[in-house]
mmCIF file of all heavy atoms, coordinates in Angstrom:
data_MODEL
# 
_entry.id   MODEL 
# 
loop_
_atom_site.group_PDB 
_atom_site.id 
_atom_site.type_symbol 
_atom_site.label_atom_id 
_atom_site.label_alt_id 
_atom_site.label_comp_id 
_atom_site.label_asym_id 
_atom_site.label_entity_id 
_atom_site.label_seq_id 
_atom_site.pdbx_PDB_ins_code 
_atom_site.Cartn_x 
_atom_site.Cartn_y 
_atom_site.Cartn_z 
_atom_site.occupancy 
_atom_site.B_iso_or_equiv 
_atom_site.pdbx_formal_charge 
_atom_site.auth_seq_id 
_atom_site.auth_comp_id 
_atom_site.auth_asym_id 
_atom_site.auth_atom_id 
_atom_site.pdbx_PDB_model_num 
ATOM 1   N N   . GLU A 1 1  ? 0.828  -1.206  0.000   1.00 0.00 ? 1  GLU A N   1 
ATOM 2   C CA  . GLU A 1 1  ? 0.000  0.000   0.000   1.00 0.00 ? 1  GLU A CA  1 
ATOM 3   C C   . GLU A 1 1  ? 0.864  1.258   0.000   1.00 0.00 ? 1  GLU A C   1 
ATOM 4   O O   . GLU A 1 1  ? 0.554  2.234   -0.683  1.00 0.00 ? 1  GLU A O   1 
ATOM 5   C CB  . GLU A 1 1  ? -0.936 0.006   1.214   1.00 0.00 ? 1  GLU A CB  1 
ATOM 6   C CG  . GLU A 1 1  ? -2.000 -1.066  1.183   1.00 0.00 ? 1  GLU A CG  1 
ATOM 7   C CD  . GLU A 1 1  ? -1.490 -2.458  1.561   1.00 0.00 ? 1  GLU A CD  1 
ATOM 8   O OE1 . GLU A 1 1  ? -0.396 -2.581  2.200   1.00 0.00 ? 1  GLU A OE1 1 
ATOM 9   O OE2 . GLU A 1 1  ? -2.149 -3.433  1.190   1.00 0.00 ? 1  GLU A OE2 1 
ATOM 10  N N   . ALA A 1 2  ? 1.944  1.248   0.741   1.00 0.00 ? 2  ALA A N   1 
ATOM 11  C CA  . ALA A 1 2  ? 2.845  2.400   0.779   1.00 0.00 ? 2  ALA A CA  1 
ATOM 12  C C   . ALA A 1 2  ? 3.525  2.592   -0.571  1.00 0.00 ? 2  ALA A C   1 
ATOM 13  O O   . ALA A 1 2  ? 3.667  3.721   -1.056  1.00 0.00 ? 2  ALA A O   1 
ATOM 14  C CB  . ALA A 1 2  ? 3.885  2.228   1.878   1.00 0.00 ? 2  ALA A CB  1 
ATOM 15  N N   . ALA A 1 3  ? 3.927  1.502   -1.206  1.00 0.00 ? 3  ALA A N   1 
ATOM 16  C CA  . ALA A 1 3  ? 4.545  1.595   -2.524  1.00 0.00 ? 3  ALA A CA  1 
ATOM 17  C C   . ALA A 1 3  ? 3.555  2.164   -3.535  1.00 0.00 ? 3  ALA A C   1 
ATOM 18  O O   . ALA A 1 3  ? 3.904  3.024   -4.352  1.00 0.00 ? 3  ALA A O   1 
ATOM 19  C CB  . ALA A 1 3  ? 5.045  0.223   -2.970  1.00 0.00 ? 3  ALA A CB  1 
ATOM 20  N N   . GLU A 1 4  ? 2.310  1.727   -3.474  1.00 0.00 ? 4  GLU A N   1 
ATOM 21  C CA  . GLU A 1 4  ? 1.280  2.256   -4.368  1.00 0.00 ? 4  GLU A CA  1 
ATOM 22  C C   . GLU A 1 4  ? 1.014  3.729   -4.090  1.00 0.00 ? 4  GLU A C   1 
ATOM 23  O O   . GLU A 1 4  ? 0.755  4.507   -5.013  1.00 0.00 ? 4  GLU A O   1 
ATOM 24  C CB  . GLU A 1 4  ? 0.000  1.440   -4.233  1.00 0.00 ? 4  GLU A CB  1 
ATOM 25  C CG  . GLU A 1 4  ? 0.133  0.034   -4.787  1.00 0.00 ? 4  GLU A CG  1 
ATOM 26  C CD  . GLU A 1 4  ? -1.056 -0.848  -4.484  1.00 0.00 ? 4  GLU A CD  1 
ATOM 27  O OE1 . GLU A 1 4  ? -1.906 -0.474  -3.639  1.00 0.00 ? 4  GLU A OE1 1 
ATOM 28  O OE2 . GLU A 1 4  ? -1.139 -1.928  -5.095  1.00 0.00 ? 4  GLU A OE2 1 
ATOM 29  N N   . GLN A 1 5  ? 1.080  4.126   -2.835  1.00 0.00 ? 5  GLN A N   1 
ATOM 30  C CA  . GLN A 1 5  ? 0.842  5.514   -2.443  1.00 0.00 ? 5  GLN A CA  1 
ATOM 31  C C   . GLN A 1 5  ? 1.821  6.473   -3.129  1.00 0.00 ? 5  GLN A C   1 
ATOM 32  O O   . GLN A 1 5  ? 1.449  7.588   -3.499  1.00 0.00 ? 5  GLN A O   1 
ATOM 33  C CB  . GLN A 1 5  ? 0.957  5.644   -0.925  1.00 0.00 ? 5  GLN A CB  1 
ATOM 34  C CG  . GLN A 1 5  ? 0.754  7.031   -0.384  1.00 0.00 ? 5  GLN A CG  1 
ATOM 35  C CD  . GLN A 1 5  ? 0.995  7.079   1.114   1.00 0.00 ? 5  GLN A CD  1 
ATOM 36  O OE1 . GLN A 1 5  ? 1.028  6.056   1.790   1.00 0.00 ? 5  GLN A OE1 1 
ATOM 37  N NE2 . GLN A 1 5  ? 1.162  8.267   1.637   1.00 0.00 ? 5  GLN A NE2 1 
ATOM 38  N N   . LEU A 1 6  ? 3.050  6.043   -3.313  1.00 0.00 ? 6  LEU A N   1 
ATOM 39  C CA  . LEU A 1 6  ? 4.040  6.886   -3.981  1.00 0.00 ? 6  LEU A CA  1 
ATOM 40  C C   . LEU A 1 6  ? 3.573  7.292   -5.375  1.00 0.00 ? 6  LEU A C   1 
ATOM 41  O O   . LEU A 1 6  ? 3.763  8.433   -5.796  1.00 0.00 ? 6  LEU A O   1 
ATOM 42  C CB  . LEU A 1 6  ? 5.377  6.163   -4.088  1.00 0.00 ? 6  LEU A CB  1 
ATOM 43  C CG  . LEU A 1 6  ? 6.156  5.980   -2.795  1.00 0.00 ? 6  LEU A CG  1 
ATOM 44  C CD1 . LEU A 1 6  ? 7.330  5.051   -3.024  1.00 0.00 ? 6  LEU A CD1 1 
ATOM 45  C CD2 . LEU A 1 6  ? 6.624  7.323   -2.264  1.00 0.00 ? 6  LEU A CD2 1 
ATOM 46  N N   . TRP A 1 7  ? 2.975  6.359   -6.096  1.00 0.00 ? 7  TRP A N   1 
ATOM 47  C CA  . TRP A 1 7  ? 2.548  6.632   -7.467  1.00 0.00 ? 7  TRP A CA  1 
ATOM 48  C C   . TRP A 1 7  ? 1.357  7.566   -7.533  1.00 0.00 ? 7  TRP A C   1 
ATOM 49  O O   . TRP A 1 7  ? 1.157  8.237   -8.551  1.00 0.00 ? 7  TRP A O   1 
ATOM 50  C CB  . TRP A 1 7  ? 2.249  5.322   -8.193  1.00 0.00 ? 7  TRP A CB  1 
ATOM 51  C CG  . TRP A 1 7  ? 3.494  4.533   -8.387  1.00 0.00 ? 7  TRP A CG  1 
ATOM 52  C CD1 . TRP A 1 7  ? 3.887  3.408   -7.706  1.00 0.00 ? 7  TRP A CD1 1 
ATOM 53  C CD2 . TRP A 1 7  ? 4.556  4.844   -9.281  1.00 0.00 ? 7  TRP A CD2 1 
ATOM 54  N NE1 . TRP A 1 7  ? 5.117  3.008   -8.135  1.00 0.00 ? 7  TRP A NE1 1 
ATOM 55  C CE2 . TRP A 1 7  ? 5.559  3.871   -9.104  1.00 0.00 ? 7  TRP A CE2 1 
ATOM 56  C CE3 . TRP A 1 7  ? 4.769  5.848   -10.214 1.00 0.00 ? 7  TRP A CE3 1 
ATOM 57  C CZ2 . TRP A 1 7  ? 6.742  3.867   -9.836  1.00 0.00 ? 7  TRP A CZ2 1 
ATOM 58  C CZ3 . TRP A 1 7  ? 5.947  5.848   -10.945 1.00 0.00 ? 7  TRP A CZ3 1 
ATOM 59  C CH2 . TRP A 1 7  ? 6.912  4.864   -10.753 1.00 0.00 ? 7  TRP A CH2 1 
ATOM 60  N N   . GLN A 1 8  ? 0.565  7.635   -6.469  1.00 0.00 ? 8  GLN A N   1 
ATOM 61  C CA  . GLN A 1 8  ? -0.609 8.510   -6.474  1.00 0.00 ? 8  GLN A CA  1 
ATOM 62  C C   . GLN A 1 8  ? -0.234 9.989   -6.478  1.00 0.00 ? 8  GLN A C   1 
ATOM 63  O O   . GLN A 1 8  ? -1.042 10.838  -6.833  1.00 0.00 ? 8  GLN A O   1 
ATOM 64  C CB  . GLN A 1 8  ? -1.514 8.185   -5.278  1.00 0.00 ? 8  GLN A CB  1 
ATOM 65  C CG  . GLN A 1 8  ? -1.974 6.745   -5.218  1.00 0.00 ? 8  GLN A CG  1 
ATOM 66  C CD  . GLN A 1 8  ? -2.498 6.217   -6.545  1.00 0.00 ? 8  GLN A CD  1 
ATOM 67  O OE1 . GLN A 1 8  ? -3.321 6.856   -7.190  1.00 0.00 ? 8  GLN A OE1 1 
ATOM 68  N NE2 . GLN A 1 8  ? -1.999 5.063   -6.970  1.00 0.00 ? 8  GLN A NE2 1 
ATOM 69  N N   . ALA A 1 9  ? 1.005  10.298  -6.128  1.00 0.00 ? 9  ALA A N   1 
ATOM 70  C CA  . ALA A 1 9  ? 1.464  11.693  -6.116  1.00 0.00 ? 9  ALA A CA  1 
ATOM 71  C C   . ALA A 1 9  ? 1.774  12.199  -7.529  1.00 0.00 ? 9  ALA A C   1 
ATOM 72  O O   . ALA A 1 9  ? 1.951  13.397  -7.720  1.00 0.00 ? 9  ALA A O   1 
ATOM 73  C CB  . ALA A 1 9  ? 2.710  11.819  -5.235  1.00 0.00 ? 9  ALA A CB  1 
ATOM 74  N N   . LEU A 1 10 ? 1.832  11.288  -8.505  1.00 0.00 ? 10 LEU A N   1 
ATOM 75  C CA  . LEU A 1 10 ? 2.164  11.670  -9.873  1.00 0.00 ? 10 LEU A CA  1 
ATOM 76  C C   . LEU A 1 10 ? 0.903  11.772  -10.738 1.00 0.00 ? 10 LEU A C   1 
ATOM 77  O O   . LEU A 1 10 ? -0.029 10.985  -10.584 1.00 0.00 ? 10 LEU A O   1 
ATOM 78  C CB  . LEU A 1 10 ? 3.096  10.640  -10.510 1.00 0.00 ? 10 LEU A CB  1 
ATOM 79  C CG  . LEU A 1 10 ? 4.459  10.445  -9.873  1.00 0.00 ? 10 LEU A CG  1 
ATOM 80  C CD1 . LEU A 1 10 ? 5.226  9.349   -10.609 1.00 0.00 ? 10 LEU A CD1 1 
ATOM 81  C CD2 . LEU A 1 10 ? 5.248  11.736  -9.869  1.00 0.00 ? 10 LEU A CD2 1 
ATOM 82  N N   . THR A 1 11 ? 0.911  12.717  -11.647 1.00 0.00 ? 11 THR A N   1 
ATOM 83  C CA  . THR A 1 11 ? -0.178 12.824  -12.612 1.00 0.00 ? 11 THR A CA  1 
ATOM 84  C C   . THR A 1 11 ? 0.011  11.757  -13.683 1.00 0.00 ? 11 THR A C   1 
ATOM 85  O O   . THR A 1 11 ? 1.112  11.226  -13.851 1.00 0.00 ? 11 THR A O   1 
ATOM 86  C CB  . THR A 1 11 ? -0.182 14.212  -13.286 1.00 0.00 ? 11 THR A CB  1 
ATOM 87  O OG1 . THR A 1 11 ? 1.009  14.330  -14.087 1.00 0.00 ? 11 THR A OG1 1 
ATOM 88  C CG2 . THR A 1 11 ? -0.263 15.336  -12.270 1.00 0.00 ? 11 THR A CG2 1 
ATOM 89  N N   . PRO A 1 12 ? -1.035 11.460  -14.444 1.00 0.00 ? 12 PRO A N   1 
ATOM 90  C CA  . PRO A 1 12 ? -0.864 10.502  -15.548 1.00 0.00 ? 12 PRO A CA  1 
ATOM 91  C C   . PRO A 1 12 ? 0.232  10.934  -16.530 1.00 0.00 ? 12 PRO A C   1 
ATOM 92  O O   . PRO A 1 12 ? 0.976  10.097  -17.037 1.00 0.00 ? 12 PRO A O   1 
ATOM 93  C CB  . PRO A 1 12 ? -2.237 10.487  -16.213 1.00 0.00 ? 12 PRO A CB  1 
ATOM 94  C CG  . PRO A 1 12 ? -3.184 10.830  -15.105 1.00 0.00 ? 12 PRO A CG  1 
ATOM 95  C CD  . PRO A 1 12 ? -2.436 11.840  -14.260 1.00 0.00 ? 12 PRO A CD  1 
ATOM 96  N N   . GLU A 1 13 ? 0.339  12.226  -16.781 1.00 0.00 ? 13 GLU A N   1 
ATOM 97  C CA  . GLU A 1 13 ? 1.372  12.725  -17.687 1.00 0.00 ? 13 GLU A CA  1 
ATOM 98  C C   . GLU A 1 13 ? 2.768  12.470  -17.120 1.00 0.00 ? 13 GLU A C   1 
ATOM 99  O O   . GLU A 1 13 ? 3.697  12.116  -17.850 1.00 0.00 ? 13 GLU A O   1 
ATOM 100 C CB  . GLU A 1 13 ? 1.174  14.220  -17.945 1.00 0.00 ? 13 GLU A CB  1 
ATOM 101 C CG  . GLU A 1 13 ? -0.088 14.550  -18.713 1.00 0.00 ? 13 GLU A CG  1 
ATOM 102 C CD  . GLU A 1 13 ? -1.354 14.545  -17.864 1.00 0.00 ? 13 GLU A CD  1 
ATOM 103 O OE1 . GLU A 1 13 ? -1.278 14.591  -16.601 1.00 0.00 ? 13 GLU A OE1 1 
ATOM 104 O OE2 . GLU A 1 13 ? -2.448 14.477  -18.450 1.00 0.00 ? 13 GLU A OE2 1 
ATOM 105 N N   . GLN A 1 14 ? 2.930  12.677  -15.818 1.00 0.00 ? 14 GLN A N   1 
ATOM 106 C CA  . GLN A 1 14 ? 4.223  12.415  -15.182 1.00 0.00 ? 14 GLN A CA  1 
ATOM 107 C C   . GLN A 1 14 ? 4.565  10.932  -15.244 1.00 0.00 ? 14 GLN A C   1 
ATOM 108 O O   . GLN A 1 14 ? 5.703  10.567  -15.528 1.00 0.00 ? 14 GLN A O   1 
ATOM 109 C CB  . GLN A 1 14 ? 4.221  12.908  -13.738 1.00 0.00 ? 14 GLN A CB  1 
ATOM 110 C CG  . GLN A 1 14 ? 4.211  14.409  -13.609 1.00 0.00 ? 14 GLN A CG  1 
ATOM 111 C CD  . GLN A 1 14 ? 4.002  14.859  -12.176 1.00 0.00 ? 14 GLN A CD  1 
ATOM 112 O OE1 . GLN A 1 14 ? 3.152  14.339  -11.465 1.00 0.00 ? 14 GLN A OE1 1 
ATOM 113 N NE2 . GLN A 1 14 ? 4.786  15.841  -11.764 1.00 0.00 ? 14 GLN A NE2 1 
ATOM 114 N N   . LYS A 1 15 ? 3.588  10.077  -14.987 1.00 0.00 ? 15 LYS A N   1 
ATOM 115 C CA  . LYS A 1 15 ? 3.827  8.633   -15.060 1.00 0.00 ? 15 LYS A CA  1 
ATOM 116 C C   . LYS A 1 15 ? 4.247  8.227   -16.464 1.00 0.00 ? 15 LYS A C   1 
ATOM 117 O O   . LYS A 1 15 ? 5.146  7.408   -16.639 1.00 0.00 ? 15 LYS A O   1 
ATOM 118 C CB  . LYS A 1 15 ? 2.580  7.851   -14.651 1.00 0.00 ? 15 LYS A CB  1 
ATOM 119 C CG  . LYS A 1 15 ? 2.257  7.921   -13.179 1.00 0.00 ? 15 LYS A CG  1 
ATOM 120 C CD  . LYS A 1 15 ? 1.023  7.097   -12.894 1.00 0.00 ? 15 LYS A CD  1 
ATOM 121 C CE  . LYS A 1 15 ? 0.503  7.312   -11.515 1.00 0.00 ? 15 LYS A CE  1 
ATOM 122 N NZ  . LYS A 1 15 ? -0.723 6.545   -11.258 1.00 0.00 ? 15 LYS A NZ  1 
ATOM 123 N N   . GLN A 1 16 ? 3.616  8.817   -17.461 1.00 0.00 ? 16 GLN A N   1 
ATOM 124 C CA  . GLN A 1 16 ? 3.933  8.481   -18.840 1.00 0.00 ? 16 GLN A CA  1 
ATOM 125 C C   . GLN A 1 16 ? 5.363  8.879   -19.195 1.00 0.00 ? 16 GLN A C   1 
ATOM 126 O O   . GLN A 1 16 ? 6.001  8.245   -20.030 1.00 0.00 ? 16 GLN A O   1 
ATOM 127 C CB  . GLN A 1 16 ? 2.950  9.161   -19.779 1.00 0.00 ? 16 GLN A CB  1 
ATOM 128 C CG  . GLN A 1 16 ? 3.084  8.730   -21.210 1.00 0.00 ? 16 GLN A CG  1 
ATOM 129 C CD  . GLN A 1 16 ? 1.998  9.329   -22.082 1.00 0.00 ? 16 GLN A CD  1 
ATOM 130 O OE1 . GLN A 1 16 ? 1.350  10.302  -21.723 1.00 0.00 ? 16 GLN A OE1 1 
ATOM 131 N NE2 . GLN A 1 16 ? 1.808  8.735   -23.240 1.00 0.00 ? 16 GLN A NE2 1 
ATOM 132 N N   . ALA A 1 17 ? 5.888  9.893   -18.526 1.00 0.00 ? 17 ALA A N   1 
ATOM 133 C CA  . ALA A 1 17 ? 7.237  10.383  -18.814 1.00 0.00 ? 17 ALA A CA  1 
ATOM 134 C C   . ALA A 1 17 ? 8.334  9.582   -18.103 1.00 0.00 ? 17 ALA A C   1 
ATOM 135 O O   . ALA A 1 17 ? 9.509  9.762   -18.403 1.00 0.00 ? 17 ALA A O   1 
ATOM 136 C CB  . ALA A 1 17 ? 7.340  11.852  -18.432 1.00 0.00 ? 17 ALA A CB  1 
ATOM 137 N N   . VAL A 1 18 ? 7.955  8.706   -17.167 1.00 0.00 ? 18 VAL A N   1 
ATOM 138 C CA  . VAL A 1 18 ? 8.948  7.932   -16.420 1.00 0.00 ? 18 VAL A CA  1 
ATOM 139 C C   . VAL A 1 18 ? 9.622  6.930   -17.360 1.00 0.00 ? 18 VAL A C   1 
ATOM 140 O O   . VAL A 1 18 ? 8.957  6.118   -17.999 1.00 0.00 ? 18 VAL A O   1 
ATOM 141 C CB  . VAL A 1 18 ? 8.297  7.194   -15.221 1.00 0.00 ? 18 VAL A CB  1 
ATOM 142 C CG1 . VAL A 1 18 ? 9.294  6.258   -14.557 1.00 0.00 ? 18 VAL A CG1 1 
ATOM 143 C CG2 . VAL A 1 18 ? 7.740  8.194   -14.220 1.00 0.00 ? 18 VAL A CG2 1 
ATOM 144 N N   . GLU A 1 19 ? 10.937 7.007   -17.435 1.00 0.00 ? 19 GLU A N   1 
ATOM 145 C CA  . GLU A 1 19 ? 11.695 6.101   -18.302 1.00 0.00 ? 19 GLU A CA  1 
ATOM 146 C C   . GLU A 1 19 ? 12.334 4.957   -17.523 1.00 0.00 ? 19 GLU A C   1 
ATOM 147 O O   . GLU A 1 19 ? 12.503 3.866   -18.052 1.00 0.00 ? 19 GLU A O   1 
ATOM 148 C CB  . GLU A 1 19 ? 12.786 6.873   -19.031 1.00 0.00 ? 19 GLU A CB  1 
ATOM 149 C CG  . GLU A 1 19 ? 12.227 7.902   -19.998 1.00 0.00 ? 19 GLU A CG  1 
ATOM 150 C CD  . GLU A 1 19 ? 13.308 8.683   -20.698 1.00 0.00 ? 19 GLU A CD  1 
ATOM 151 O OE1 . GLU A 1 19 ? 14.497 8.290   -20.629 1.00 0.00 ? 19 GLU A OE1 1 
ATOM 152 O OE2 . GLU A 1 19 ? 12.969 9.703   -21.320 1.00 0.00 ? 19 GLU A OE2 1 
ATOM 153 N N   . ALA A 1 20 ? 12.715 5.217   -16.267 1.00 0.00 ? 20 ALA A N   1 
ATOM 154 C CA  . ALA A 1 20 ? 13.371 4.190   -15.451 1.00 0.00 ? 20 ALA A CA  1 
ATOM 155 C C   . ALA A 1 20 ? 13.115 4.483   -13.981 1.00 0.00 ? 20 ALA A C   1 
ATOM 156 O O   . ALA A 1 20 ? 12.932 5.634   -13.588 1.00 0.00 ? 20 ALA A O   1 
ATOM 157 C CB  . ALA A 1 20 ? 14.867 4.169   -15.723 1.00 0.00 ? 20 ALA A CB  1 
ATOM 158 N N   . VAL A 1 21 ? 13.106 3.414   -13.192 1.00 0.00 ? 21 VAL A N   1 
ATOM 159 C CA  . VAL A 1 21 ? 12.921 3.531   -11.746 1.00 0.00 ? 21 VAL A CA  1 
ATOM 160 C C   . VAL A 1 21 ? 13.992 2.691   -11.068 1.00 0.00 ? 21 VAL A C   1 
ATOM 161 O O   . VAL A 1 21 ? 14.155 1.510   -11.381 1.00 0.00 ? 21 VAL A O   1 
ATOM 162 C CB  . VAL A 1 21 ? 11.523 3.032   -11.317 1.00 0.00 ? 21 VAL A CB  1 
ATOM 163 C CG1 . VAL A 1 21 ? 11.327 3.199   -9.824  1.00 0.00 ? 21 VAL A CG1 1 
ATOM 164 C CG2 . VAL A 1 21 ? 10.417 3.748   -12.087 1.00 0.00 ? 21 VAL A CG2 1 
ATOM 165 N N   . ALA A 1 22 ? 14.732 3.303   -10.154 1.00 0.00 ? 22 ALA A N   1 
ATOM 166 C CA  . ALA A 1 22 ? 15.765 2.590   -9.401  1.00 0.00 ? 22 ALA A CA  1 
ATOM 167 C C   . ALA A 1 22 ? 15.205 2.173   -8.050  1.00 0.00 ? 22 ALA A C   1 
ATOM 168 O O   . ALA A 1 22 ? 14.709 3.018   -7.295  1.00 0.00 ? 22 ALA A O   1 
ATOM 169 C CB  . ALA A 1 22 ? 16.987 3.480   -9.208  1.00 0.00 ? 22 ALA A CB  1 
ATOM 170 N N   . VAL A 1 23 ? 15.266 0.884   -7.778  1.00 0.00 ? 23 VAL A N   1 
ATOM 171 C CA  . VAL A 1 23 ? 14.730 0.338   -6.528  1.00 0.00 ? 23 VAL A CA  1 
ATOM 172 C C   . VAL A 1 23 ? 15.563 -0.857  -6.095  1.00 0.00 ? 23 VAL A C   1 
ATOM 173 O O   . VAL A 1 23 ? 16.342 -1.406  -6.867  1.00 0.00 ? 23 VAL A O   1 
ATOM 174 C CB  . VAL A 1 23 ? 13.259 -0.128  -6.680  1.00 0.00 ? 23 VAL A CB  1 
ATOM 175 C CG1 . VAL A 1 23 ? 12.330 1.029   -6.931  1.00 0.00 ? 23 VAL A CG1 1 
ATOM 176 C CG2 . VAL A 1 23 ? 13.107 -1.169  -7.755  1.00 0.00 ? 23 VAL A CG2 1 
ATOM 177 N N   . ASP A 1 24 ? 15.353 -1.270  -4.834  1.00 0.00 ? 24 ASP A N   1 
ATOM 178 C CA  . ASP A 1 24 ? 15.963 -2.526  -4.418  1.00 0.00 ? 24 ASP A CA  1 
ATOM 179 C C   . ASP A 1 24 ? 15.103 -3.665  -4.979  1.00 0.00 ? 24 ASP A C   1 
ATOM 180 O O   . ASP A 1 24 ? 14.179 -3.431  -5.748  1.00 0.00 ? 24 ASP A O   1 
ATOM 181 C CB  . ASP A 1 24 ? 16.152 -2.585  -2.905  1.00 0.00 ? 24 ASP A CB  1 
ATOM 182 C CG  . ASP A 1 24 ? 14.851 -2.581  -2.110  1.00 0.00 ? 24 ASP A CG  1 
ATOM 183 O OD1 . ASP A 1 24 ? 13.794 -2.963  -2.655  1.00 0.00 ? 24 ASP A OD1 1 
ATOM 184 O OD2 . ASP A 1 24 ? 14.882 -2.207  -0.934  1.00 0.00 ? 24 ASP A OD2 1 
ATOM 185 N N   . ARG A 1 25 ? 15.379 -4.863  -4.605  1.00 0.00 ? 25 ARG A N   1 
ATOM 186 C CA  . ARG A 1 25 ? 14.726 -6.017  -5.226  1.00 0.00 ? 25 ARG A CA  1 
ATOM 187 C C   . ARG A 1 25 ? 13.442 -6.438  -4.513  1.00 0.00 ? 25 ARG A C   1 
ATOM 188 O O   . ARG A 1 25 ? 12.940 -7.541  -4.724  1.00 0.00 ? 25 ARG A O   1 
ATOM 189 C CB  . ARG A 1 25 ? 15.722 -7.187  -5.275  1.00 0.00 ? 25 ARG A CB  1 
ATOM 190 C CG  . ARG A 1 25 ? 16.958 -6.809  -6.090  1.00 0.00 ? 25 ARG A CG  1 
ATOM 191 C CD  . ARG A 1 25 ? 17.900 -7.959  -6.274  1.00 0.00 ? 25 ARG A CD  1 
ATOM 192 N NE  . ARG A 1 25 ? 17.314 -8.854  -7.261  1.00 0.00 ? 25 ARG A NE  1 
ATOM 193 C CZ  . ARG A 1 25 ? 16.926 -10.092 -7.006  1.00 0.00 ? 25 ARG A CZ  1 
ATOM 194 N NH1 . ARG A 1 25 ? 17.075 -10.619 -5.820  1.00 0.00 ? 25 ARG A NH1 1 
ATOM 195 N NH2 . ARG A 1 25 ? 16.399 -10.833 -7.945  1.00 0.00 ? 25 ARG A NH2 1 
ATOM 196 N N   . TRP A 1 26 ? 12.868 -5.561  -3.698  1.00 0.00 ? 26 TRP A N   1 
ATOM 197 C CA  . TRP A 1 26 ? 11.664 -5.899  -2.951  1.00 0.00 ? 26 TRP A CA  1 
ATOM 198 C C   . TRP A 1 26 ? 10.495 -6.068  -3.917  1.00 0.00 ? 26 TRP A C   1 
ATOM 199 O O   . TRP A 1 26 ? 10.163 -5.168  -4.694  1.00 0.00 ? 26 TRP A O   1 
ATOM 200 C CB  . TRP A 1 26 ? 11.388 -4.815  -1.911  1.00 0.00 ? 26 TRP A CB  1 
ATOM 201 C CG  . TRP A 1 26 ? 10.334 -5.153  -0.919  1.00 0.00 ? 26 TRP A CG  1 
ATOM 202 C CD1 . TRP A 1 26 ? 10.259 -6.273  -0.140  1.00 0.00 ? 26 TRP A CD1 1 
ATOM 203 C CD2 . TRP A 1 26 ? 9.215  -4.352  -0.574  1.00 0.00 ? 26 TRP A CD2 1 
ATOM 204 N NE1 . TRP A 1 26 ? 9.161  -6.226  0.675   1.00 0.00 ? 26 TRP A NE1 1 
ATOM 205 C CE2 . TRP A 1 26 ? 8.496  -5.041  0.417   1.00 0.00 ? 26 TRP A CE2 1 
ATOM 206 C CE3 . TRP A 1 26 ? 8.740  -3.130  -1.004  1.00 0.00 ? 26 TRP A CE3 1 
ATOM 207 C CZ2 . TRP A 1 26 ? 7.329  -4.544  0.991   1.00 0.00 ? 26 TRP A CZ2 1 
ATOM 208 C CZ3 . TRP A 1 26 ? 7.592  -2.634  -0.434  1.00 0.00 ? 26 TRP A CZ3 1 
ATOM 209 C CH2 . TRP A 1 26 ? 6.902  -3.345  0.553   1.00 0.00 ? 26 TRP A CH2 1 
# 
């Protein structure tokens, strides 16, 4: 739920512009 919450802060246009995401292997 917390991981999903991060994405709610972005607009659809911002999400569409995301090219890469750096994360651990969780």
